[in-house]
Amino acid sequence: MIISLECTWLKEEIMPGFGERLTRLRKATGLTQTELGEKVGLSQRMVAYYEKDEAQPPGPMLIDLANALETTVDELLGKTNPKEPLTNPKEARFLKRLKRIQELPPQDRRAILKVLDALLAQHENRQSA
C-alpha cells in the first residue's frame, strides 16, 4: 500500500500581487528586467519569473530589490500604499539617461549638448515653416 501525503507547509506561499508591484516599480524607475537583474545579481529570466508571480525572491533579496527600485520592502510586499511615481516609465528612462550623461567628461557632455541643440533647432524650424 502506497500512502501519498501532501506537505502543504513545504510549499512556498506566493504573496498575491507581488509580480505586478515589482513590474510597476521597475518600470517607474526606468529599468529593464536585465538592468534590474544586474543591480541585484539576478538574471533577466529570474526577474521575469518573479514578475509573473511564479515565485518570490528570498527575504534578503527583497532588500536589494527595494534599494534598486528606490522604494521600501513594505511597498514591494504591498504592506504600504504605493507612493505616487514622480514620472511615468518613459520619463524615468529619459531621466536615467540624463543622469548617465552628467557622469560623462565635460568634453563629451558639450558634444552631446551641441547635437541636442542642433536637433531642437531643426525641429523648431520645421514647426515655424
Protein backbone atom coordinates (compact mmCIF):
# COMPACT_ATOMS: atom_id res chain seq x y z
CA MET A 1 0.00 0.00 0.00
CA ILE A 2 1.40 3.39 -1.05
CA ILE A 3 0.47 6.43 1.01
CA SER A 4 0.75 9.86 -0.51
CA LEU A 5 0.96 12.82 1.82
CA GLU A 6 0.91 16.35 0.55
CA CYS A 7 3.10 18.63 2.62
CA THR A 8 1.48 21.99 2.05
CA TRP A 9 3.67 23.59 4.71
CA LEU A 10 6.70 22.95 2.50
CA LYS A 11 5.26 24.78 -0.47
CA GLU A 12 6.29 28.39 -0.91
CA GLU A 13 3.39 30.75 -0.43
CA ILE A 14 3.21 33.38 -3.15
CA MET A 15 2.01 36.78 -2.00
CA PRO A 16 -0.74 37.92 -4.39
CA GLY A 17 0.17 40.93 -6.50
CA PHE A 18 3.90 40.80 -5.82
CA GLY A 19 4.78 40.41 -9.50
CA GLU A 20 2.56 43.30 -10.55
CA ARG A 21 4.12 45.56 -7.90
CA LEU A 22 7.62 44.51 -8.91
CA THR A 23 6.85 45.28 -12.56
CA ARG A 24 5.25 48.65 -11.76
CA LEU A 25 8.14 49.73 -9.55
CA ARG A 26 10.75 48.56 -12.06
CA LYS A 27 9.10 50.50 -14.88
CA ALA A 28 8.65 53.58 -12.67
CA THR A 29 12.41 53.67 -12.11
CA GLY A 30 13.04 53.25 -15.84
CA LEU A 31 14.83 49.92 -15.52
CA THR A 32 14.62 46.97 -17.86
CA GLN A 33 14.44 43.47 -16.41
CA THR A 34 18.08 42.99 -17.40
CA GLU A 35 19.19 46.21 -15.70
CA LEU A 36 17.32 45.36 -12.50
CA GLY A 37 18.84 41.89 -12.55
CA GLU A 38 22.34 43.31 -12.91
CA LYS A 39 21.80 45.63 -9.95
CA VAL A 40 20.73 42.81 -7.64
CA GLY A 41 22.65 39.85 -9.05
CA LEU A 42 19.83 38.09 -10.90
CA SER A 43 19.38 37.05 -14.49
CA GLN A 44 16.74 38.72 -16.65
CA ARG A 45 14.93 35.40 -16.72
CA MET A 46 14.68 35.30 -12.92
CA VAL A 47 13.33 38.86 -12.77
CA ALA A 48 10.69 37.89 -15.35
CA TYR A 49 9.89 34.80 -13.27
CA TYR A 50 9.28 36.96 -10.19
CA GLU A 51 7.19 39.42 -12.20
CA LYS A 52 4.89 36.63 -13.38
CA ASP A 53 4.18 35.58 -9.77
CA GLU A 54 5.75 32.18 -10.48
CA ALA A 55 7.86 32.59 -7.35
CA GLN A 56 9.05 35.22 -4.95
CA PRO A 57 12.61 36.16 -4.12
CA PRO A 58 14.13 35.12 -0.80
CA GLY A 59 13.95 37.62 2.07
CA PRO A 60 17.47 39.07 1.74
CA MET A 61 16.89 39.67 -1.98
CA LEU A 62 13.85 41.84 -1.16
CA ILE A 63 16.16 44.39 0.46
CA ASP A 64 18.36 44.51 -2.66
CA LEU A 65 15.32 44.84 -4.91
CA ALA A 66 13.83 47.63 -2.79
CA ASN A 67 17.13 49.54 -2.85
CA ALA A 68 17.49 49.12 -6.63
CA LEU A 69 13.89 50.24 -7.14
CA GLU A 70 14.28 53.21 -4.77
CA THR A 71 11.43 52.03 -2.56
CA THR A 72 10.84 50.11 0.65
CA VAL A 73 10.40 46.40 1.25
CA ASP A 74 6.97 47.20 2.70
CA GLU A 75 5.86 48.81 -0.56
CA LEU A 76 7.33 45.93 -2.57
CA LEU A 77 5.35 43.47 -0.44
CA GLY A 78 2.17 45.54 -0.60
CA LYS A 79 2.16 46.33 3.12
CA THR A 80 2.04 50.09 2.50
CA ASN A 81 0.24 52.09 -0.13
CA PRO A 82 2.30 52.76 -3.23
CA LYS A 83 3.86 56.19 -3.41
CA GLU A 84 2.91 58.31 -6.38
CA PRO A 85 5.53 57.97 -9.09
CA LEU A 86 7.25 61.25 -9.89
CA THR A 87 7.40 60.33 -13.56
CA ASN A 88 5.87 57.90 -15.96
CA PRO A 89 8.07 54.99 -17.12
CA LYS A 90 9.15 56.71 -20.36
CA GLU A 91 10.16 59.84 -18.48
CA ALA A 92 12.02 57.74 -15.91
CA ARG A 93 14.08 56.10 -18.68
CA PHE A 94 14.83 59.52 -20.16
CA LEU A 95 15.90 60.93 -16.78
CA LYS A 96 18.10 57.88 -16.21
CA ARG A 97 19.89 58.63 -19.47
CA LEU A 98 20.34 62.26 -18.48
CA LYS A 99 21.95 61.17 -15.23
CA ARG A 100 24.36 58.98 -17.19
CA ILE A 101 25.21 61.93 -19.44
CA GLN A 102 26.01 64.02 -16.35
CA GLU A 103 28.65 61.43 -15.42
CA LEU A 104 30.49 61.87 -18.72
CA PRO A 105 33.62 64.01 -19.03
CA PRO A 106 32.86 67.71 -19.74
CA GLN A 107 34.04 67.49 -23.36
CA ASP A 108 31.64 64.62 -24.09
CA ARG A 109 28.75 66.44 -22.38
CA ARG A 110 29.38 69.52 -24.53
CA ALA A 111 29.35 67.38 -27.68
CA ILE A 112 26.03 65.83 -26.69
CA LEU A 113 24.55 69.26 -25.95
CA LYS A 114 25.62 70.52 -29.38
CA VAL A 115 23.85 67.60 -31.05
CA LEU A 116 20.73 68.16 -28.95
CA ASP A 117 20.73 71.89 -29.67
CA ALA A 118 21.03 71.19 -33.41
CA LEU A 119 18.12 68.71 -33.32
CA LEU A 120 15.96 71.11 -31.32
CA ALA A 121 16.72 74.00 -33.71
CA GLN A 122 15.88 71.75 -36.68
CA HIS A 123 12.57 70.80 -35.04
CA GLU A 124 11.72 74.44 -34.31
CA ASN A 125 12.50 75.41 -37.92
CA ARG A 126 10.14 72.71 -39.21
CA GLN A 127 7.38 73.88 -36.90
CA SER A 128 7.69 77.53 -37.91
CA ALA A 129 7.78 76.74 -41.65
